[in-house]
PDB file of N, CA and C in Angstrom:
ATOM      1  N   MET A   1      94.967  89.036  94.026  1.00  0.00           N
ATOM      2  CA  MET A   1      96.003  88.733  93.052  1.00  0.00           C
ATOM      3  C   MET A   1      96.977  89.903  92.953  1.00  0.00           C
ATOM      4  N   PHE A   2      98.204  89.587  92.689  1.00  0.00           N
ATOM      5  CA  PHE A   2      99.279  90.568  92.552  1.00  0.00           C
ATOM      6  C   PHE A   2      99.037  91.433  91.325  1.00  0.00           C
ATOM      7  N   GLU A   3      99.148  92.730  91.488  1.00  0.00           N
ATOM      8  CA  GLU A   3      98.936  93.674  90.388  1.00  0.00           C
ATOM      9  C   GLU A   3     100.256  94.308  89.979  1.00  0.00           C
ATOM     10  N   ILE A   4     100.522  94.302  88.692  1.00  0.00           N
ATOM     11  CA  ILE A   4     101.741  94.889  88.140  1.00  0.00           C
ATOM     12  C   ILE A   4     101.360  96.106  87.320  1.00  0.00           C
ATOM     13  N   LYS A   5     102.114  97.186  87.493  1.00  0.00           N
ATOM     14  CA  LYS A   5     101.907  98.388  86.685  1.00  0.00           C
ATOM     15  C   LYS A   5     103.221  98.740  86.009  1.00  0.00           C
ATOM     16  N   VAL A   6     103.124  99.147  84.750  1.00  0.00           N
ATOM     17  CA  VAL A   6     104.308  99.542  83.988  1.00  0.00           C
ATOM     18  C   VAL A   6     104.049 100.879  83.319  1.00  0.00           C
ATOM     19  N   SER A   7     105.120 101.501  82.858  1.00  0.00           N
ATOM     20  CA  SER A   7     105.031 102.784  82.149  1.00  0.00           C
ATOM     21  C   SER A   7     105.436 102.573  80.695  1.00  0.00           C
ATOM     22  N   PRO A   8     104.455 102.422  79.803  1.00  0.00           N
ATOM     23  CA  PRO A   8     104.769 102.144  78.399  1.00  0.00           C
ATOM     24  C   PRO A   8     105.639 103.211  77.742  1.00  0.00           C
ATOM     25  N   GLY A   9     105.527 104.450  78.147  1.00  0.00           N
ATOM     26  CA  GLY A   9     106.299 105.518  77.523  1.00  0.00           C
ATOM     27  C   GLY A   9     107.649 105.757  78.159  1.00  0.00           C
ATOM     28  N   GLY A  10     108.013 104.944  79.140  1.00  0.00           N
ATOM     29  CA  GLY A  10     109.262 105.158  79.864  1.00  0.00           C
ATOM     30  C   GLY A  10     110.487 104.751  79.071  1.00  0.00           C
ATOM     31  N   ASN A  11     111.649 105.047  79.633  1.00  0.00           N
ATOM     32  CA  ASN A  11     112.922 104.718  78.988  1.00  0.00           C
ATOM     33  C   ASN A  11     113.268 103.239  79.107  1.00  0.00           C
ATOM     34  N   ARG A  12     112.743 102.581  80.137  1.00  0.00           N
ATOM     35  CA  ARG A  12     113.081 101.181  80.412  1.00  0.00           C
ATOM     36  C   ARG A  12     112.119 100.266  79.658  1.00  0.00           C
ATOM     37  N   PRO A  13     112.631  99.252  78.961  1.00  0.00           N
ATOM     38  CA  PRO A  13     111.749  98.332  78.238  1.00  0.00           C
ATOM     39  C   PRO A  13     110.709  97.695  79.163  1.00  0.00           C
ATOM     40  N   ILE A  14     109.544  97.405  78.612  1.00  0.00           N
ATOM     41  CA  ILE A  14     108.433  96.860  79.400  1.00  0.00           C
ATOM     42  C   ILE A  14     108.821  95.552  80.087  1.00  0.00           C
ATOM     43  N   TYR A  15     109.514  94.660  79.381  1.00  0.00           N
ATOM     44  CA  TYR A  15     109.838  93.373  80.002  1.00  0.00           C
ATOM     45  C   TYR A  15     110.736  93.568  81.223  1.00  0.00           C
ATOM     46  N   LEU A  16     111.624  94.567  81.187  1.00  0.00           N
ATOM     47  CA  LEU A  16     112.468  94.850  82.350  1.00  0.00           C
ATOM     48  C   LEU A  16     111.652  95.462  83.479  1.00  0.00           C
ATOM     49  N   GLN A  17     110.663  96.288  83.138  1.00  0.00           N
ATOM     50  CA  GLN A  17     109.782  96.848  84.162  1.00  0.00           C
ATOM     51  C   GLN A  17     108.998  95.737  84.857  1.00  0.00           C
ATOM     52  N   ILE A  18     108.527  94.766  84.081  1.00  0.00           N
ATOM     53  CA  ILE A  18     107.807  93.634  84.670  1.00  0.00           C
ATOM     54  C   ILE A  18     108.734  92.883  85.616  1.00  0.00           C
ATOM     55  N   MET A  19     109.946  92.623  85.170  1.00  0.00           N
ATOM     56  CA  MET A  19     110.917  91.933  86.020  1.00  0.00           C
ATOM     57  C   MET A  19     111.180  92.722  87.303  1.00  0.00           C
ATOM     58  N   ASP A  20     111.349  94.027  87.173  1.00  0.00           N
ATOM     59  CA  ASP A  20     111.587  94.882  88.344  1.00  0.00           C
ATOM     60  C   ASP A  20     110.443  94.772  89.339  1.00  0.00           C
ATOM     61  N   ARG A  21     109.206  94.856  88.845  1.00  0.00           N
ATOM     62  CA  ARG A  21     108.034  94.836  89.726  1.00  0.00           C
ATOM     63  C   ARG A  21     107.908  93.504  90.458  1.00  0.00           C
ATOM     64  N   VAL A  22     108.169  92.407  89.757  1.00  0.00           N
ATOM     65  CA  VAL A  22     108.090  91.087  90.393  1.00  0.00           C
ATOM     66  C   VAL A  22     109.175  90.958  91.454  1.00  0.00           C
ATOM     67  N   ARG A  23     110.393  91.366  91.124  1.00  0.00           N
ATOM     68  CA  ARG A  23     111.483  91.309  92.107  1.00  0.00           C
ATOM     69  C   ARG A  23     111.164  92.162  93.341  1.00  0.00           C
ATOM     70  N   GLN A  24     110.648  93.372  93.108  1.00  0.00           N
ATOM     71  CA  GLN A  24     110.308  94.268  94.215  1.00  0.00           C
ATOM     72  C   GLN A  24     109.227  93.656  95.095  1.00  0.00           C
ATOM     73  N   ALA A  25     108.211  93.095  94.478  1.00  0.00           N
ATOM     74  CA  ALA A  25     107.113  92.504  95.245  1.00  0.00           C
ATOM     75  C   ALA A  25     107.603  91.325  96.081  1.00  0.00           C
ATOM     76  N   ALA A  26     108.486  90.526  95.526  1.00  0.00           N
ATOM     77  CA  ALA A  26     109.036  89.397  96.276  1.00  0.00           C
ATOM     78  C   ALA A  26     109.909  89.897  97.425  1.00  0.00           C
ATOM     79  N   ALA A  27     110.710  90.920  97.174  1.00  0.00           N
ATOM     80  CA  ALA A  27     111.590  91.461  98.214  1.00  0.00           C
ATOM     81  C   ALA A  27     110.802  92.096  99.346  1.00  0.00           C
ATOM     82  N   ARG A  28     109.677  92.707  99.024  1.00  0.00           N
ATOM     83  CA  ARG A  28     108.859  93.386 100.033  1.00  0.00           C
ATOM     84  C   ARG A  28     107.865  92.460 100.722  1.00  0.00           C
ATOM     85  N   GLY A  29     107.813  91.221 100.301  1.00  0.00           N
ATOM     86  CA  GLY A  29     106.893  90.273 100.911  1.00  0.00           C
ATOM     87  C   GLY A  29     105.485  90.329 100.355  1.00  0.00           C
ATOM     88  N   LYS A  30     105.264  91.102  99.302  1.00  0.00           N
ATOM     89  CA  LYS A  30     103.939  91.139  98.675  1.00  0.00           C
ATOM     90  C   LYS A  30     103.683  89.863  97.893  1.00  0.00           C
ATOM     91  N   LEU A  31     104.739  89.210  97.475  1.00  0.00           N
ATOM     92  CA  LEU A  31     104.672  87.894  96.847  1.00  0.00           C
ATOM     93  C   LEU A  31     105.482  86.947  97.719  1.00  0.00           C
ATOM     94  N   ALA A  32     104.861  85.865  98.148  1.00  0.00           N
ATOM     95  CA  ALA A  32     105.541  84.884  98.982  1.00  0.00           C
ATOM     96  C   ALA A  32     105.937  83.671  98.144  1.00  0.00           C
ATOM     97  N   VAL A  33     106.848  82.876  98.675  1.00  0.00           N
ATOM     98  CA  VAL A  33     107.258  81.648  97.999  1.00  0.00           C
ATOM     99  C   VAL A  33     106.018  80.811  97.709  1.00  0.00           C
ATOM    100  N   GLY A  34     105.908  80.365  96.464  1.00  0.00           N
ATOM    101  CA  GLY A  34     104.783  79.530  96.061  1.00  0.00           C
ATOM    102  C   GLY A  34     103.587  80.283  95.521  1.00  0.00           C
ATOM    103  N   ASP A  35     103.574  81.601  95.672  1.00  0.00           N
ATOM    104  CA  ASP A  35     102.453  82.387  95.136  1.00  0.00           C
ATOM    105  C   ASP A  35     102.432  82.288  93.614  1.00  0.00           C
ATOM    106  N   PRO A  36     101.227  82.123  93.048  1.00  0.00           N
ATOM    107  CA  PRO A  36     101.131  82.086  91.586  1.00  0.00           C
ATOM    108  C   PRO A  36     101.144  83.489  91.003  1.00  0.00           C
ATOM    109  N   LEU A  37     101.668  83.601  89.805  1.00  0.00           N
ATOM    110  CA  LEU A  37     101.588  84.854  89.053  1.00  0.00           C
ATOM    111  C   LEU A  37     100.545  84.672  87.961  1.00  0.00           C
ATOM    112  N   PRO A  38     100.024  85.771  87.433  1.00  0.00           N
ATOM    113  CA  PRO A  38      99.065  85.642  86.336  1.00  0.00           C
ATOM    114  C   PRO A  38      99.719  84.912  85.162  1.00  0.00           C
ATOM    115  N   SER A  39      98.897  84.244  84.371  1.00  0.00           N
ATOM    116  CA  SER A  39      99.433  83.592  83.176  1.00  0.00           C
ATOM    117  C   SER A  39     100.003  84.660  82.249  1.00  0.00           C
ATOM    118  N   VAL A  40     100.815  84.232  81.316  1.00  0.00           N
ATOM    119  CA  VAL A  40     101.397  85.156  80.340  1.00  0.00           C
ATOM    120  C   VAL A  40     100.286  85.917  79.632  1.00  0.00           C
ATOM    121  N   ARG A  41      99.280  85.185  79.190  1.00  0.00           N
ATOM    122  CA  ARG A  41      98.185  85.811  78.452  1.00  0.00           C
ATOM    123  C   ARG A  41      97.398  86.794  79.330  1.00  0.00           C
ATOM    124  N   GLN A  42      97.120  86.392  80.572  1.00  0.00           N
ATOM    125  CA  GLN A  42      96.378  87.277  81.487  1.00  0.00           C
ATOM    126  C   GLN A  42      97.134  88.576  81.741  1.00  0.00           C
ATOM    127  N   LEU A  43      98.419  88.463  82.038  1.00  0.00           N
ATOM    128  CA  LEU A  43      99.192  89.665  82.339  1.00  0.00           C
ATOM    129  C   LEU A  43      99.350  90.534  81.098  1.00  0.00           C
ATOM    130  N   ALA A  44      99.525  89.906  79.943  1.00  0.00           N
ATOM    131  CA  ALA A  44      99.633  90.676  78.694  1.00  0.00           C
ATOM    132  C   ALA A  44      98.352  91.467  78.445  1.00  0.00           C
ATOM    133  N   GLU A  45      97.209  90.842  78.695  1.00  0.00           N
ATOM    134  CA  GLU A  45      95.931  91.546  78.518  1.00  0.00           C
ATOM    135  C   GLU A  45      95.786  92.670  79.536  1.00  0.00           C
ATOM    136  N   GLN A  46      96.159  92.399  80.783  1.00  0.00           N
ATOM    137  CA  GLN A  46      96.059  93.411  81.845  1.00  0.00           C
ATOM    138  C   GLN A  46      96.911  94.634  81.524  1.00  0.00           C
ATOM    139  N   LEU A  47      98.125  94.399  81.032  1.00  0.00           N
ATOM    140  CA  LEU A  47      99.056  95.494  80.757  1.00  0.00           C
ATOM    141  C   LEU A  47      98.904  96.069  79.351  1.00  0.00           C
ATOM    142  N   VAL A  48      98.108  95.407  78.543  1.00  0.00           N
ATOM    143  CA  VAL A  48      97.915  95.772  77.135  1.00  0.00           C
ATOM    144  C   VAL A  48      99.271  95.793  76.416  1.00  0.00           C
ATOM    145  N   VAL A  49      99.961  94.658  76.520  1.00  0.00           N
ATOM    146  CA  VAL A  49     101.243  94.478  75.843  1.00  0.00           C
ATOM    147  C   VAL A  49     101.218  93.139  75.113  1.00  0.00           C
ATOM    148  N   ASN A  50     102.170  92.939  74.237  1.00  0.00           N
ATOM    149  CA  ASN A  50     102.291  91.683  73.514  1.00  0.00           C
ATOM    150  C   ASN A  50     102.640  90.566  74.496  1.00  0.00           C
ATOM    151  N   HIS A  51     102.051  89.388  74.294  1.00  0.00           N
ATOM    152  CA  HIS A  51     102.318  88.283  75.219  1.00  0.00           C
ATOM    153  C   HIS A  51     103.787  87.859  75.204  1.00  0.00           C
ATOM    154  N   ASN A  52     104.495  88.106  74.098  1.00  0.00           N
ATOM    155  CA  ASN A  52     105.924  87.779  74.049  1.00  0.00           C
ATOM    156  C   ASN A  52     106.734  88.622  75.033  1.00  0.00           C
ATOM    157  N   THR A  53     106.261  89.834  75.312  1.00  0.00           N
ATOM    158  CA  THR A  53     106.930  90.709  76.277  1.00  0.00           C
ATOM    159  C   THR A  53     106.867  90.099  77.670  1.00  0.00           C
ATOM    160  N   VAL A  54     105.688  89.632  78.049  1.00  0.00           N
ATOM    161  CA  VAL A  54     105.507  89.000  79.362  1.00  0.00           C
ATOM    162  C   VAL A  54     106.271  87.681  79.410  1.00  0.00           C
ATOM    163  N   ALA A  55     106.188  86.907  78.340  1.00  0.00           N
ATOM    164  CA  ALA A  55     106.893  85.622  78.293  1.00  0.00           C
ATOM    165  C   ALA A  55     108.399  85.820  78.471  1.00  0.00           C
ATOM    166  N   LYS A  56     108.938  86.858  77.857  1.00  0.00           N
ATOM    167  CA  LYS A  56     110.375  87.143  77.986  1.00  0.00           C
ATOM    168  C   LYS A  56     110.727  87.488  79.433  1.00  0.00           C
ATOM    169  N   ALA A  57     109.907  88.326  80.068  1.00  0.00           N
ATOM    170  CA  ALA A  57     110.154  88.698  81.467  1.00  0.00           C
ATOM    171  C   ALA A  57     110.096  87.472  82.372  1.00  0.00           C
ATOM    172  N   TYR A  58     109.060  86.656  82.200  1.00  0.00           N
ATOM    173  CA  TYR A  58     108.928  85.450  83.017  1.00  0.00           C
ATOM    174  C   TYR A  58     110.111  84.504  82.787  1.00  0.00           C
ATOM    175  N   ALA A  59     110.514  84.326  81.531  1.00  0.00           N
ATOM    176  CA  ALA A  59     111.630  83.424  81.224  1.00  0.00           C
ATOM    177  C   ALA A  59     112.918  83.898  81.896  1.00  0.00           C
ATOM    178  N   GLU A  60     113.159  85.198  81.866  1.00  0.00           N
ATOM    179  CA  GLU A  60     114.358  85.748  82.518  1.00  0.00           C
ATOM    180  C   GLU A  60     114.288  85.545  84.035  1.00  0.00           C
ATOM    181  N   LEU A  61     113.111  85.737  84.609  1.00  0.00           N
ATOM    182  CA  LEU A  61     112.949  85.565  86.054  1.00  0.00           C
ATOM    183  C   LEU A  61     113.091  84.098  86.456  1.00  0.00           C
ATOM    184  N   VAL A  62     112.645  83.193  85.608  1.00  0.00           N
ATOM    185  CA  VAL A  62     112.845  81.763  85.860  1.00  0.00           C
ATOM    186  C   VAL A  62     114.339  81.450  85.780  1.00  0.00           C
ATOM    187  N   ARG A  63     114.998  81.958  84.761  1.00  0.00           N
ATOM    188  CA  ARG A  63     116.438  81.743  84.592  1.00  0.00           C
ATOM    189  C   ARG A  63     117.221  82.264  85.798  1.00  0.00           C
ATOM    190  N   ASP A  64     116.759  83.393  86.350  1.00  0.00           N
ATOM    191  CA  ASP A  64     117.429  84.002  87.500  1.00  0.00           C
ATOM    192  C   ASP A  64     117.047  83.352  88.828  1.00  0.00           C
ATOM    193  N   GLY A  65     116.111  82.407  88.799  1.00  0.00           N
ATOM    194  CA  GLY A  65     115.716  81.714  90.021  1.00  0.00           C
ATOM    195  C   GLY A  65     114.700  82.451  90.864  1.00  0.00           C
ATOM    196  N   VAL A  66     114.114  83.518  90.338  1.00  0.00           N
ATOM    197  CA  VAL A  66     113.096  84.277  91.077  1.00  0.00           C
ATOM    198  C   VAL A  66     111.751  83.568  90.978  1.00  0.00           C
ATOM    199  N   LEU A  67     111.463  83.039  89.796  1.00  0.00           N
ATOM    200  CA  LEU A  67     110.220  82.312  89.551  1.00  0.00           C
ATOM    201  C   LEU A  67     110.539  80.884  89.153  1.00  0.00           C
ATOM    202  N   GLU A  68     109.530  80.024  89.274  1.00  0.00           N
ATOM    203  CA  GLU A  68     109.655  78.678  88.739  1.00  0.00           C
ATOM    204  C   GLU A  68     108.415  78.380  87.921  1.00  0.00           C
ATOM    205  N   SER A  69     108.623  77.717  86.814  1.00  0.00           N
ATOM    206  CA  SER A  69     107.536  77.370  85.910  1.00  0.00           C
ATOM    207  C   SER A  69     107.191  75.907  86.111  1.00  0.00           C
ATOM    208  N   GLN A  70     105.915  75.642  86.338  1.00  0.00           N
ATOM    209  CA  GLN A  70     105.446  74.270  86.493  1.00  0.00           C
ATOM    210  C   GLN A  70     104.536  73.968  85.314  1.00  0.00           C
ATOM    211  N   HIS A  71     105.013  73.110  84.422  1.00  0.00           N
ATOM    212  CA  HIS A  71     104.308  72.817  83.177  1.00  0.00           C
ATOM    213  C   HIS A  71     102.849  72.440  83.447  1.00  0.00           C
ATOM    214  N   GLY A  72     101.966  73.159  82.793  1.00  0.00           N
ATOM    215  CA  GLY A  72     100.539  72.894  82.928  1.00  0.00           C
ATOM    216  C   GLY A  72      99.894  73.533  84.145  1.00  0.00           C
ATOM    217  N   ARG A  73     100.685  74.078  85.043  1.00  0.00           N
ATOM    218  CA  ARG A  73     100.142  74.680  86.263  1.00  0.00           C
ATOM    219  C   ARG A  73     100.329  76.185  86.302  1.00  0.00           C
ATOM    220  N   GLY A  74     101.457  76.684  85.776  1.00  0.00           N
ATOM    221  CA  GLY A  74     101.689  78.114  85.779  1.00  0.00           C
ATOM    222  C   GLY A  74     103.062  78.491  86.277  1.00  0.00           C
ATOM    223  N   VAL A  75     103.168  79.771  86.635  1.00  0.00           N
ATOM    224  CA  VAL A  75     104.435  80.335  87.104  1.00  0.00           C
ATOM    225  C   VAL A  75     104.255  80.756  88.556  1.00  0.00           C
ATOM    226  N   PHE A  76     105.230  80.405  89.387  1.00  0.00           N
ATOM    227  CA  PHE A  76     105.141  80.642  90.819  1.00  0.00           C
ATOM    228  C   PHE A  76     106.429  81.273  91.338  1.00  0.00           C
ATOM    229  N   VAL A  77     106.317  81.957  92.479  1.00  0.00           N
ATOM    230  CA  VAL A  77     107.502  82.522  93.124  1.00  0.00           C
ATOM    231  C   VAL A  77     108.339  81.358  93.654  1.00  0.00           C
ATOM    232  N   ALA A  78     109.613  81.355  93.302  1.00  0.00           N
ATOM    233  CA  ALA A  78     110.522  80.267  93.682  1.00  0.00           C
ATOM    234  C   ALA A  78     111.052  80.470  95.098  1.00  0.00           C
ATOM    235  N   LYS A  79     111.547  79.390  95.661  1.00  0.00           N
ATOM    236  CA  LYS A  79     112.224  79.483  96.953  1.00  0.00           C
ATOM    237  C   LYS A  79     113.480  80.310  96.769  1.00  0.00           C
ATOM    238  N   ARG A  80     113.798  81.087  97.781  1.00  0.00           N
ATOM    239  CA  ARG A  80     115.017  81.905  97.715  1.00  0.00           C
ATOM    240  C   ARG A  80     116.223  80.989  97.773  1.00  0.00           C
ATOM    241  N   ARG A  81     117.094  81.189  96.832  1.00  0.00           N
ATOM    242  CA  ARG A  81     118.324  80.405  96.821  1.00  0.00           C
ATOM    243  C   ARG A  81     119.432  81.251  96.229  1.00  0.00           C
ATOM    244  N   GLN A  82     120.612  81.001  96.668  1.00  0.00           N
ATOM    245  CA  GLN A  82     121.757  81.741  96.155  1.00  0.00           C
ATOM    246  C   GLN A  82     122.345  80.959  94.992  1.00  0.00           C
ATOM    247  N   VAL A  83     122.155  81.471  93.791  1.00  0.00           N
ATOM    248  CA  VAL A  83     122.654  80.771  92.613  1.00  0.00           C
ATOM    249  C   VAL A  83     123.764  81.557  91.917  1.00  0.00           C
ATOM    250  N   PHE A  84     124.127  82.696  92.455  1.00  0.00           N
ATOM    251  CA  PHE A  84     125.114  83.539  91.790  1.00  0.00           C
ATOM    252  C   PHE A  84     126.418  83.574  92.580  1.00  0.00           C
ATOM    253  N   SER A  85     127.495  83.639  91.858  1.00  0.00           N
ATOM    254  CA  SER A  85     128.800  83.798  92.499  1.00  0.00           C
ATOM    255  C   SER A  85     128.877  85.203  93.090  1.00  0.00           C
ATOM    256  N   ALA A  86     129.853  85.420  93.929  1.00  0.00           N
ATOM    257  CA  ALA A  86     130.033  86.746  94.522  1.00  0.00           C
ATOM    258  C   ALA A  86     130.273  87.791  93.438  1.00  0.00           C
ATOM    259  N   ALA A  87     131.043  87.429  92.426  1.00  0.00           N
ATOM    260  CA  ALA A  87     131.325  88.376  91.335  1.00  0.00           C
ATOM    261  C   ALA A  87     130.055  88.712  90.558  1.00  0.00           C
ATOM    262  N   GLU A  88     129.213  87.700  90.309  1.00  0.00           N
ATOM    263  CA  GLU A  88     127.962  87.939  89.583  1.00  0.00           C
ATOM    264  C   GLU A  88     127.004  88.785  90.423  1.00  0.00           C
ATOM    265  N   ARG A  89     126.932  88.515  91.715  1.00  0.00           N
ATOM    266  CA  ARG A  89     126.087  89.324  92.601  1.00  0.00           C
ATOM    267  C   ARG A  89     126.536  90.779  92.573  1.00  0.00           C
ATOM    268  N   LYS A  90     127.849  91.001  92.632  1.00  0.00           N
ATOM    269  CA  LYS A  90     128.396  92.359  92.608  1.00  0.00           C
ATOM    270  C   LYS A  90     128.074  93.042  91.284  1.00  0.00           C
ATOM    271  N   ARG A  91     128.223  92.318  90.177  1.00  0.00           N
ATOM    272  CA  ARG A  91     127.928  92.881  88.859  1.00  0.00           C
ATOM    273  C   ARG A  91     126.457  93.270  88.762  1.00  0.00           C
ATOM    274  N   ARG A  92     125.570  92.397  89.220  1.00  0.00           N
ATOM    275  CA  ARG A  92     124.135  92.688  89.172  1.00  0.00           C
ATOM    276  C   ARG A  92     123.782  93.870  90.073  1.00  0.00           C
ATOM    277  N   PHE A  93     124.414  93.918  91.240  1.00  0.00           N
ATOM    278  CA  PHE A  93     124.189  95.032  92.158  1.00  0.00           C
ATOM    279  C   PHE A  93     124.598  96.345  91.501  1.00  0.00           C
ATOM    280  N   ASP A  94     125.789  96.365  90.918  1.00  0.00           N
ATOM    281  CA  ASP A  94     126.286  97.579  90.265  1.00  0.00           C
ATOM    282  C   ASP A  94     125.387  98.001  89.106  1.00  0.00           C
ATOM    283  N   ASP A  95     124.950  97.027  88.301  1.00  0.00           N
ATOM    284  CA  ASP A  95     124.059  97.335  87.174  1.00  0.00           C
ATOM    285  C   ASP A  95     122.744  97.940  87.661  1.00  0.00           C
ATOM    286  N   ALA A  96     122.152  97.313  88.678  1.00  0.00           N
ATOM    287  CA  ALA A  96     120.878  97.808  89.205  1.00  0.00           C
ATOM    288  C   ALA A  96     121.047  99.198  89.812  1.00  0.00           C
ATOM    289  N   LEU A  97     122.142  99.397  90.512  1.00  0.00           N
ATOM    290  CA  LEU A  97     122.412 100.692  91.125  1.00  0.00           C
ATOM    291  C   LEU A  97     122.591 101.777  90.069  1.00  0.00           C
ATOM    292  N   ASP A  98     123.284 101.456  88.990  1.00  0.00           N
ATOM    293  CA  ASP A  98     123.470 102.424  87.905  1.00  0.00           C
ATOM    294  C   ASP A  98     122.138 102.835  87.290  1.00  0.00           C
ATOM    295  N   VAL A  99     121.269 101.857  87.038  1.00  0.00           N
ATOM    296  CA  VAL A  99     119.951 102.151  86.460  1.00  0.00           C
ATOM    297  C   VAL A  99     119.149 103.020  87.423  1.00  0.00           C
ATOM    298  N   PHE A 100     119.127 102.617  88.680  1.00  0.00           N
ATOM    299  CA  PHE A 100     118.376 103.351  89.697  1.00  0.00           C
ATOM    300  C   PHE A 100     118.881 104.788  89.831  1.00  0.00           C
ATOM    301  N   LEU A 101     120.179 104.941  90.013  1.00  0.00           N
ATOM    302  CA  LEU A 101     120.728 106.279  90.246  1.00  0.00           C
ATOM    303  C   LEU A 101     120.597 107.189  89.033  1.00  0.00           C
ATOM    304  N   SER A 102     120.742 106.642  87.843  1.00  0.00           N
ATOM    305  CA  SER A 102     120.588 107.495  86.659  1.00  0.00           C
ATOM    306  C   SER A 102     119.167 108.029  86.562  1.00  0.00           C
ATOM    307  N   GLU A 103     118.201 107.211  86.941  1.00  0.00           N
ATOM    308  CA  GLU A 103     116.802 107.657  86.931  1.00  0.00           C
ATOM    309  C   GLU A 103     116.566 108.713  88.011  1.00  0.00           C
ATOM    310  N   ILE A 104     117.038 108.470  89.211  1.00  0.00           N
ATOM    311  CA  ILE A 104     116.813 109.383  90.335  1.00  0.00           C
ATOM    312  C   ILE A 104     117.544 110.707  90.129  1.00  0.00           C
ATOM    313  N   VAL A 105     118.785 110.656  89.698  1.00  0.00           N
ATOM    314  CA  VAL A 105     119.557 111.877  89.476  1.00  0.00           C
ATOM    315  C   VAL A 105     118.902 112.732  88.391  1.00  0.00           C
ATOM    316  N   SER A 106     118.331 112.079  87.376  1.00  0.00           N
ATOM    317  CA  SER A 106     117.670 112.841  86.306  1.00  0.00           C
ATOM    318  C   SER A 106     116.436 113.580  86.815  1.00  0.00           C
ATOM    319  N   LEU A 107     115.942 113.194  87.985  1.00  0.00           N
ATOM    320  CA  LEU A 107     114.792 113.871  88.588  1.00  0.00           C
ATOM    321  C   LEU A 107     115.215 115.018  89.503  1.00  0.00           C
ATOM    322  N   ASP A 108     116.500 115.307  89.530  1.00  0.00           N
ATOM    323  CA  ASP A 108     117.063 116.439  90.277  1.00  0.00           C
ATOM    324  C   ASP A 108     116.920 116.336  91.795  1.00  0.00           C
ATOM    325  N   PHE A 109     117.045 115.116  92.337  1.00  0.00           N
ATOM    326  CA  PHE A 109     117.089 114.976  93.785  1.00  0.00           C
ATOM    327  C   PHE A 109     118.525 115.195  94.242  1.00  0.00           C
ATOM    328  N   THR A 110     118.678 115.751  95.438  1.00  0.00           N
ATOM    329  CA  THR A 110     120.019 115.960  95.981  1.00  0.00           C
ATOM    330  C   THR A 110     120.543 114.648  96.553  1.00  0.00           C
ATOM    331  N   SER A 111     121.835 114.613  96.787  1.00  0.00           N
ATOM    332  CA  SER A 111     122.461 113.435  97.376  1.00  0.00           C
ATOM    333  C   SER A 111     121.854 113.130  98.745  1.00  0.00           C
ATOM    334  N   ASP A 112     121.632 114.172  99.548  1.00  0.00           N
ATOM    335  CA  ASP A 112     121.035 113.979 100.876  1.00  0.00           C
ATOM    336  C   ASP A 112     119.624 113.414 100.780  1.00  0.00           C
ATOM    337  N   GLN A 113     118.833 113.913  99.840  1.00  0.00           N
ATOM    338  CA  GLN A 113     117.470 113.409  99.665  1.00  0.00           C
ATOM    339  C   GLN A 113     117.480 111.935  99.258  1.00  0.00           C
ATOM    340  N   ILE A 114     118.381 111.585  98.374  1.00  0.00           N
ATOM    341  CA  ILE A 114     118.480 110.202  97.912  1.00  0.00           C
ATOM    342  C   ILE A 114     118.897 109.290  99.063  1.00  0.00           C
ATOM    343  N   GLN A 115     119.921 109.702  99.810  1.00  0.00           N
ATOM    344  CA  GLN A 115     120.404 108.881 100.918  1.00  0.00           C
ATOM    345  C   GLN A 115     119.340 108.715 101.995  1.00  0.00           C
ATOM    346  N   ASP A 116     118.621 109.784 102.318  1.00  0.00           N
ATOM    347  CA  ASP A 116     117.572 109.724 103.327  1.00  0.00           C
ATOM    348  C   ASP A 116     116.457 108.772 102.894  1.00  0.00           C
ATOM    349  N   ALA A 117     116.014 108.916 101.665  1.00  0.00           N
ATOM    350  CA  ALA A 117     114.941 108.059 101.156  1.00  0.00           C
ATOM    351  C   ALA A 117     115.386 106.597 101.109  1.00  0.00           C
ATOM    352  N   MET A 118     116.626 106.364 100.696  1.00  0.00           N
ATOM    353  CA  MET A 118     117.147 104.995 100.626  1.00  0.00           C
ATOM    354  C   MET A 118     117.206 104.363 102.015  1.00  0.00           C
ATOM    355  N   ALA A 119     117.685 105.106 102.992  1.00  0.00           N
ATOM    356  CA  ALA A 119     117.787 104.573 104.350  1.00  0.00           C
ATOM    357  C   ALA A 119     116.410 104.195 104.890  1.00  0.00           C
ATOM    358  N   LYS A 120     115.423 105.061 104.675  1.00  0.00           N
ATOM    359  CA  LYS A 120     114.066 104.782 105.154  1.00  0.00           C
ATOM    360  C   LYS A 120     113.470 103.557 104.467  1.00  0.00           C
ATOM    361  N   ARG A 121     113.646 103.473 103.152  1.00  0.00           N
ATOM    362  CA  ARG A 121     113.096 102.335 102.404  1.00  0.00           C
ATOM    363  C   ARG A 121     113.775 101.031 102.791  1.00  0.00           C
ATOM    364  N   LEU A 122     115.078 101.080 103.016  1.00  0.00           N
ATOM    365  CA  LEU A 122     115.806  99.878 103.382  1.00  0.00           C
ATOM    366  C   LEU A 122     115.332  99.348 104.730  1.00  0.00           C
ATOM    367  N   VAL A 123     115.127 100.237 105.681  1.00  0.00           N
ATOM    368  CA  VAL A 123     114.612  99.830 106.989  1.00  0.00           C
ATOM    369  C   VAL A 123     113.234  99.201 106.827  1.00  0.00           C
ATOM    370  N   LYS A 124     112.379  99.850 106.057  1.00  0.00           N
ATOM    371  CA  LYS A 124     111.017  99.359 105.839  1.00  0.00           C
ATOM    372  C   LYS A 124     111.027  97.995 105.140  1.00  0.00           C
ATOM    373  N   MET A 125     111.869  97.850 104.129  1.00  0.00           N
ATOM    374  CA  MET A 125     111.913  96.613 103.359  1.00  0.00           C
ATOM    375  C   MET A 125     112.472  95.452 104.171  1.00  0.00           C
ATOM    376  N   THR A 126     113.518  95.696 104.937  1.00  0.00           N
ATOM    377  CA  THR A 126     114.111  94.615 105.721  1.00  0.00           C
ATOM    378  C   THR A 126     113.237  94.244 106.908  1.00  0.00           C
ATOM    379  N   ALA A 127     112.445  95.177 107.410  1.00  0.00           N
ATOM    380  CA  ALA A 127     111.528  94.875 108.511  1.00  0.00           C
ATOM    381  C   ALA A 127     110.391  93.975 108.045  1.00  0.00           C
ATOM    382  N   ALA A 128     110.031  94.048 106.774  1.00  0.00           N
ATOM    383  CA  ALA A 128     108.927  93.254 106.229  1.00  0.00           C
ATOM    384  C   ALA A 128     109.310  91.792 106.033  1.00  0.00           C
ATOM    385  N   ARG A 129     110.588  91.477 106.065  1.00  0.00           N
ATOM    386  CA  ARG A 129     111.028  90.090 105.822  1.00  0.00           C
ATOM    387  C   ARG A 129     110.840  89.218 107.000  1.00  0.00           C
TER     388      ARG A 129
END
């Protein structure tokens, strides 16, 4: 089963961390189309968070087309589909990049270190698809 880890003391809200982890796992191929995710209650117990936190993350991921909810069966990884306009994709990209870079820069990495690590990860991630 897919394991999610979050940082309760971090700057990013838990529900966003859950969303990030699910998106990352799907992008890296750790979660395939149709794979089930833990129930809201199961994941809330695993992470020791309120079930509303998990429910909010799942609802946002369903809204974004990353997950699909099947009444009475659970939540599953959805088929990849393009549901966003070019402008919305660009806005989401910029938002994600801002969050990522603000975190990395605060850790005092140099521009060269960031670019090198990004290039290596991108090659690794795209090769897994």
